Amino acid sequence: MKRARCRPVARRRGGMSGEQVLKAEAVLVGGVVLALLAWEWPSLRREMRIWRMSGGFRAGHRYP
């Protein structure tokens, strides 16, 4: 009984592997998240200050 010959692996012609695509997507998503955080940072600081002045976790249900 003869064994089937394995075909040689086709070479990629300038294409990207799945791992490279996932890495590129992760870099893109990370960049978008960092840009959004940098854009919203001043308003987040302001909201935290207002939250602390109103009592934070200790305020309970005093403020809706």
PDB file of N, CA and C in Angstrom:
ATOM      1  N   MET A   1       0.843  -1.173   0.000  1.00  0.00           N
ATOM      2  CA  MET A   1       0.000   0.000   0.000  1.00  0.00           C
ATOM      3  C   MET A   1       0.891   1.241   0.000  1.00  0.00           C
ATOM      4  N   LYS A   2       0.704   2.093  -0.982  1.00  0.00           N
ATOM      5  CA  LYS A   2       1.530   3.289  -1.092  1.00  0.00           C
ATOM      6  C   LYS A   2       0.939   4.416  -0.246  1.00  0.00           C
ATOM      7  N   ARG A   3       1.847   5.197   0.306  1.00  0.00           N
ATOM      8  CA  ARG A   3       1.404   6.365   1.071  1.00  0.00           C
ATOM      9  C   ARG A   3       1.210   7.533   0.121  1.00  0.00           C
ATOM     10  N   ALA A   4       0.231   8.347   0.425  1.00  0.00           N
ATOM     11  CA  ALA A   4      -0.022   9.512  -0.419  1.00  0.00           C
ATOM     12  C   ALA A   4       1.111  10.520  -0.229  1.00  0.00           C
ATOM     13  N   ARG A   5       1.546  11.063  -1.335  1.00  0.00           N
ATOM     14  CA  ARG A   5       2.611  12.060  -1.240  1.00  0.00           C
ATOM     15  C   ARG A   5       2.049  13.377  -0.735  1.00  0.00           C
ATOM     16  N   CYS A   6       2.783  13.989   0.133  1.00  0.00           N
ATOM     17  CA  CYS A   6       2.357  15.290   0.637  1.00  0.00           C
ATOM     18  C   CYS A   6       2.697  16.349  -0.399  1.00  0.00           C
ATOM     19  N   ARG A   7       1.739  17.208  -0.648  1.00  0.00           N
ATOM     20  CA  ARG A   7       1.999  18.299  -1.581  1.00  0.00           C
ATOM     21  C   ARG A   7       2.822  19.367  -0.891  1.00  0.00           C
ATOM     22  N   PRO A   8       3.710  20.005  -1.619  1.00  0.00           N
ATOM     23  CA  PRO A   8       4.492  21.084  -1.000  1.00  0.00           C
ATOM     24  C   PRO A   8       3.570  22.246  -0.615  1.00  0.00           C
ATOM     25  N   VAL A   9       3.932  22.923   0.446  1.00  0.00           N
ATOM     26  CA  VAL A   9       3.136  24.047   0.933  1.00  0.00           C
ATOM     27  C   VAL A   9       3.254  25.196  -0.057  1.00  0.00           C
ATOM     28  N   ALA A  10       2.106  25.736  -0.446  1.00  0.00           N
ATOM     29  CA  ALA A  10       2.118  26.858  -1.385  1.00  0.00           C
ATOM     30  C   ALA A  10       2.691  28.082  -0.695  1.00  0.00           C
ATOM     31  N   ARG A  11       3.530  28.794  -1.427  1.00  0.00           N
ATOM     32  CA  ARG A  11       4.126  30.003  -0.846  1.00  0.00           C
ATOM     33  C   ARG A  11       3.150  31.162  -0.944  1.00  0.00           C
ATOM     34  N   ARG A  12       3.193  31.997   0.055  1.00  0.00           N
ATOM     35  CA  ARG A  12       2.316  33.163   0.050  1.00  0.00           C
ATOM     36  C   ARG A  12       2.902  34.223  -0.879  1.00  0.00           C
ATOM     37  N   ARG A  13       2.050  34.873  -1.612  1.00  0.00           N
ATOM     38  CA  ARG A  13       2.494  35.910  -2.541  1.00  0.00           C
ATOM     39  C   ARG A  13       2.157  37.272  -1.962  1.00  0.00           C
ATOM     40  N   GLY A  14       2.902  37.700  -0.996  1.00  0.00           N
ATOM     41  CA  GLY A  14       2.684  39.024  -0.423  1.00  0.00           C
ATOM     42  C   GLY A  14       1.489  39.103   0.507  1.00  0.00           C
ATOM     43  N   GLY A  15       0.854  37.989   0.796  1.00  0.00           N
ATOM     44  CA  GLY A  15      -0.302  38.003   1.677  1.00  0.00           C
ATOM     45  C   GLY A  15       0.116  37.996   3.136  1.00  0.00           C
ATOM     46  N   MET A  16      -0.858  38.182   4.008  1.00  0.00           N
ATOM     47  CA  MET A  16      -0.575  38.183   5.440  1.00  0.00           C
ATOM     48  C   MET A  16      -1.142  36.909   6.050  1.00  0.00           C
ATOM     49  N   SER A  17      -0.439  36.394   7.034  1.00  0.00           N
ATOM     50  CA  SER A  17      -0.950  35.225   7.733  1.00  0.00           C
ATOM     51  C   SER A  17      -2.033  35.666   8.715  1.00  0.00           C
ATOM     52  N   GLY A  18      -2.771  34.709   9.216  1.00  0.00           N
ATOM     53  CA  GLY A  18      -3.833  35.025  10.170  1.00  0.00           C
ATOM     54  C   GLY A  18      -3.295  35.660  11.437  1.00  0.00           C
ATOM     55  N   GLU A  19      -2.131  35.198  11.871  1.00  0.00           N
ATOM     56  CA  GLU A  19      -1.522  35.761  13.083  1.00  0.00           C
ATOM     57  C   GLU A  19      -1.139  37.218  12.872  1.00  0.00           C
ATOM     58  N   GLN A  20      -0.621  37.532  11.688  1.00  0.00           N
ATOM     59  CA  GLN A  20      -0.245  38.914  11.406  1.00  0.00           C
ATOM     60  C   GLN A  20      -1.476  39.812  11.356  1.00  0.00           C
ATOM     61  N   VAL A  21      -2.567  39.303  10.811  1.00  0.00           N
ATOM     62  CA  VAL A  21      -3.806  40.083  10.752  1.00  0.00           C
ATOM     63  C   VAL A  21      -4.319  40.348  12.159  1.00  0.00           C
ATOM     64  N   LEU A  22      -4.287  39.339  13.024  1.00  0.00           N
ATOM     65  CA  LEU A  22      -4.750  39.527  14.403  1.00  0.00           C
ATOM     66  C   LEU A  22      -3.887  40.535  15.152  1.00  0.00           C
ATOM     67  N   LYS A  23      -2.578  40.471  14.939  1.00  0.00           N
ATOM     68  CA  LYS A  23      -1.688  41.441  15.586  1.00  0.00           C
ATOM     69  C   LYS A  23      -1.973  42.852  15.098  1.00  0.00           C
ATOM     70  N   ALA A  24      -2.181  43.001  13.791  1.00  0.00           N
ATOM     71  CA  ALA A  24      -2.483  44.324  13.241  1.00  0.00           C
ATOM     72  C   ALA A  24      -3.797  44.858  13.799  1.00  0.00           C
ATOM     73  N   GLU A  25      -4.797  43.993  13.929  1.00  0.00           N
ATOM     74  CA  GLU A  25      -6.074  44.424  14.493  1.00  0.00           C
ATOM     75  C   GLU A  25      -5.924  44.812  15.959  1.00  0.00           C
ATOM     76  N   ALA A  26      -5.117  44.062  16.704  1.00  0.00           N
ATOM     77  CA  ALA A  26      -4.905  44.388  18.119  1.00  0.00           C
ATOM     78  C   ALA A  26      -4.217  45.738  18.261  1.00  0.00           C
ATOM     79  N   VAL A  27      -3.240  46.004  17.402  1.00  0.00           N
ATOM     80  CA  VAL A  27      -2.548  47.305  17.443  1.00  0.00           C
ATOM     81  C   VAL A  27      -3.518  48.426  17.099  1.00  0.00           C
ATOM     82  N   LEU A  28      -4.363  48.204  16.101  1.00  0.00           N
ATOM     83  CA  LEU A  28      -5.331  49.213  15.691  1.00  0.00           C
ATOM     84  C   LEU A  28      -6.333  49.502  16.803  1.00  0.00           C
ATOM     85  N   VAL A  29      -6.870  48.450  17.413  1.00  0.00           N
ATOM     86  CA  VAL A  29      -7.846  48.637  18.498  1.00  0.00           C
ATOM     87  C   VAL A  29      -7.181  49.314  19.695  1.00  0.00           C
ATOM     88  N   GLY A  30      -5.956  48.903  20.022  1.00  0.00           N
ATOM     89  CA  GLY A  30      -5.236  49.547  21.130  1.00  0.00           C
ATOM     90  C   GLY A  30      -5.002  51.021  20.879  1.00  0.00           C
ATOM     91  N   GLY A  31      -4.655  51.369  19.649  1.00  0.00           N
ATOM     92  CA  GLY A  31      -4.455  52.778  19.304  1.00  0.00           C
ATOM     93  C   GLY A  31      -5.730  53.583  19.426  1.00  0.00           C
ATOM     94  N   VAL A  32      -6.840  53.000  19.004  1.00  0.00           N
ATOM     95  CA  VAL A  32      -8.125  53.695  19.101  1.00  0.00           C
ATOM     96  C   VAL A  32      -8.505  53.899  20.563  1.00  0.00           C
ATOM     97  N   VAL A  33      -8.290  52.880  21.395  1.00  0.00           N
ATOM     98  CA  VAL A  33      -8.609  52.997  22.820  1.00  0.00           C
ATOM     99  C   VAL A  33      -7.745  54.073  23.475  1.00  0.00           C
ATOM    100  N   LEU A  34      -6.454  54.088  23.165  1.00  0.00           N
ATOM    101  CA  LEU A  34      -5.575  55.117  23.735  1.00  0.00           C
ATOM    102  C   LEU A  34      -5.968  56.514  23.273  1.00  0.00           C
ATOM    103  N   ALA A  35      -6.326  56.651  22.001  1.00  0.00           N
ATOM    104  CA  ALA A  35      -6.749  57.960  21.496  1.00  0.00           C
ATOM    105  C   ALA A  35      -8.029  58.424  22.180  1.00  0.00           C
ATOM    106  N   LEU A  36      -8.979  57.514  22.369  1.00  0.00           N
ATOM    107  CA  LEU A  36     -10.225  57.862  23.042  1.00  0.00           C
ATOM    108  C   LEU A  36      -9.979  58.247  24.494  1.00  0.00           C
ATOM    109  N   LEU A  37      -9.111  57.510  25.161  1.00  0.00           N
ATOM    110  CA  LEU A  37      -8.790  57.830  26.557  1.00  0.00           C
ATOM    111  C   LEU A  37      -8.115  59.191  26.657  1.00  0.00           C
ATOM    112  N   ALA A  38      -7.180  59.469  25.756  1.00  0.00           N
ATOM    113  CA  ALA A  38      -6.502  60.778  25.767  1.00  0.00           C
ATOM    114  C   ALA A  38      -7.498  61.900  25.478  1.00  0.00           C
ATOM    115  N   TRP A  39      -8.457  61.638  24.589  1.00  0.00           N
ATOM    116  CA  TRP A  39      -9.461  62.652  24.235  1.00  0.00           C
ATOM    117  C   TRP A  39     -10.402  62.926  25.402  1.00  0.00           C
ATOM    118  N   GLU A  40     -10.777  61.896  26.132  1.00  0.00           N
ATOM    119  CA  GLU A  40     -11.760  62.026  27.201  1.00  0.00           C
ATOM    120  C   GLU A  40     -11.134  62.283  28.572  1.00  0.00           C
ATOM    121  N   TRP A  41      -9.828  62.285  28.688  1.00  0.00           N
ATOM    122  CA  TRP A  41      -9.166  62.400  29.983  1.00  0.00           C
ATOM    123  C   TRP A  41      -9.591  63.636  30.777  1.00  0.00           C
ATOM    124  N   PRO A  42      -9.629  64.841  30.185  1.00  0.00           N
ATOM    125  CA  PRO A  42     -10.039  66.010  30.991  1.00  0.00           C
ATOM    126  C   PRO A  42     -11.454  65.883  31.556  1.00  0.00           C
ATOM    127  N   SER A  43     -12.383  65.382  30.762  1.00  0.00           N
ATOM    128  CA  SER A  43     -13.754  65.262  31.271  1.00  0.00           C
ATOM    129  C   SER A  43     -13.852  64.154  32.324  1.00  0.00           C
ATOM    130  N   LEU A  44     -13.072  63.094  32.169  1.00  0.00           N
ATOM    131  CA  LEU A  44     -13.074  62.049  33.197  1.00  0.00           C
ATOM    132  C   LEU A  44     -12.533  62.583  34.524  1.00  0.00           C
ATOM    133  N   ARG A  45     -11.490  63.400  34.459  1.00  0.00           N
ATOM    134  CA  ARG A  45     -10.960  64.000  35.691  1.00  0.00           C
ATOM    135  C   ARG A  45     -12.006  64.889  36.355  1.00  0.00           C
ATOM    136  N   ARG A  46     -12.709  65.672  35.541  1.00  0.00           N
ATOM    137  CA  ARG A  46     -13.742  66.553  36.081  1.00  0.00           C
ATOM    138  C   ARG A  46     -14.864  65.745  36.725  1.00  0.00           C
ATOM    139  N   GLU A  47     -15.302  64.676  36.084  1.00  0.00           N
ATOM    140  CA  GLU A  47     -16.354  63.835  36.645  1.00  0.00           C
ATOM    141  C   GLU A  47     -15.909  63.185  37.958  1.00  0.00           C
ATOM    142  N   MET A  48     -14.661  62.738  38.031  1.00  0.00           N
ATOM    143  CA  MET A  48     -14.159  62.136  39.271  1.00  0.00           C
ATOM    144  C   MET A  48     -14.136  63.163  40.404  1.00  0.00           C
ATOM    145  N   ARG A  49     -13.752  64.391  40.077  1.00  0.00           N
ATOM    146  CA  ARG A  49     -13.725  65.429  41.110  1.00  0.00           C
ATOM    147  C   ARG A  49     -15.134  65.724  41.617  1.00  0.00           C
ATOM    148  N   ILE A  50     -16.097  65.807  40.712  1.00  0.00           N
ATOM    149  CA  ILE A  50     -17.491  66.042  41.118  1.00  0.00           C
ATOM    150  C   ILE A  50     -17.989  64.874  41.962  1.00  0.00           C
ATOM    151  N   TRP A  51     -17.653  63.648  41.559  1.00  0.00           N
ATOM    152  CA  TRP A  51     -18.083  62.466  42.299  1.00  0.00           C
ATOM    153  C   TRP A  51     -17.501  62.466  43.713  1.00  0.00           C
ATOM    154  N   ARG A  52     -16.211  62.845  43.837  1.00  0.00           N
ATOM    155  CA  ARG A  52     -15.592  62.889  45.167  1.00  0.00           C
ATOM    156  C   ARG A  52     -16.205  63.986  46.025  1.00  0.00           C
ATOM    157  N   MET A  53     -16.512  65.156  45.423  1.00  0.00           N
ATOM    158  CA  MET A  53     -17.103  66.247  46.201  1.00  0.00           C
ATOM    159  C   MET A  53     -18.505  65.893  46.681  1.00  0.00           C
ATOM    160  N   SER A  54     -19.214  65.048  45.916  1.00  0.00           N
ATOM    161  CA  SER A  54     -20.568  64.673  46.333  1.00  0.00           C
ATOM    162  C   SER A  54     -20.562  63.525  47.327  1.00  0.00           C
ATOM    163  N   GLY A  55     -19.413  62.995  47.691  1.00  0.00           N
ATOM    164  CA  GLY A  55     -19.327  61.989  48.735  1.00  0.00           C
ATOM    165  C   GLY A  55     -18.817  60.640  48.273  1.00  0.00           C
ATOM    166  N   GLY A  56     -18.742  60.405  46.986  1.00  0.00           N
ATOM    167  CA  GLY A  56     -18.223  59.138  46.485  1.00  0.00           C
ATOM    168  C   GLY A  56     -19.088  57.968  46.916  1.00  0.00           C
ATOM    169  N   PHE A  57     -18.452  56.892  47.323  1.00  0.00           N
ATOM    170  CA  PHE A  57     -19.193  55.707  47.769  1.00  0.00           C
ATOM    171  C   PHE A  57     -19.916  55.958  49.086  1.00  0.00           C
ATOM    172  N   ARG A  58     -19.405  56.893  49.897  1.00  0.00           N
ATOM    173  CA  ARG A  58     -20.005  57.128  51.204  1.00  0.00           C
ATOM    174  C   ARG A  58     -21.348  57.817  51.099  1.00  0.00           C
ATOM    175  N   ALA A  59     -21.648  58.452  49.939  1.00  0.00           N
ATOM    176  CA  ALA A  59     -22.884  59.229  49.800  1.00  0.00           C
ATOM    177  C   ALA A  59     -24.122  58.336  49.803  1.00  0.00           C
ATOM    178  N   GLY A  60     -23.940  57.084  49.452  1.00  0.00           N
ATOM    179  CA  GLY A  60     -25.099  56.189  49.430  1.00  0.00           C
ATOM    180  C   GLY A  60     -26.099  56.618  48.383  1.00  0.00           C
ATOM    181  N   HIS A  61     -27.355  56.788  48.821  1.00  0.00           N
ATOM    182  CA  HIS A  61     -28.409  57.168  47.882  1.00  0.00           C
ATOM    183  C   HIS A  61     -28.853  58.610  48.075  1.00  0.00           C
ATOM    184  N   ARG A  62     -27.996  59.456  48.612  1.00  0.00           N
ATOM    185  CA  ARG A  62     -28.375  60.852  48.811  1.00  0.00           C
ATOM    186  C   ARG A  62     -28.537  61.572  47.478  1.00  0.00           C
ATOM    187  N   TYR A  63     -27.673  61.198  46.488  1.00  0.00           N
ATOM    188  CA  TYR A  63     -27.711  61.881  45.202  1.00  0.00           C
ATOM    189  C   TYR A  63     -28.090  60.867  44.130  1.00  0.00           C
ATOM    190  N   PRO A  64     -29.137  61.173  43.374  1.00  0.00           N
ATOM    191  CA  PRO A  64     -29.557  60.222  42.328  1.00  0.00           C
ATOM    192  C   PRO A  64     -28.589  60.196  41.168  1.00  0.00           C
TER     193      PRO A  64
END
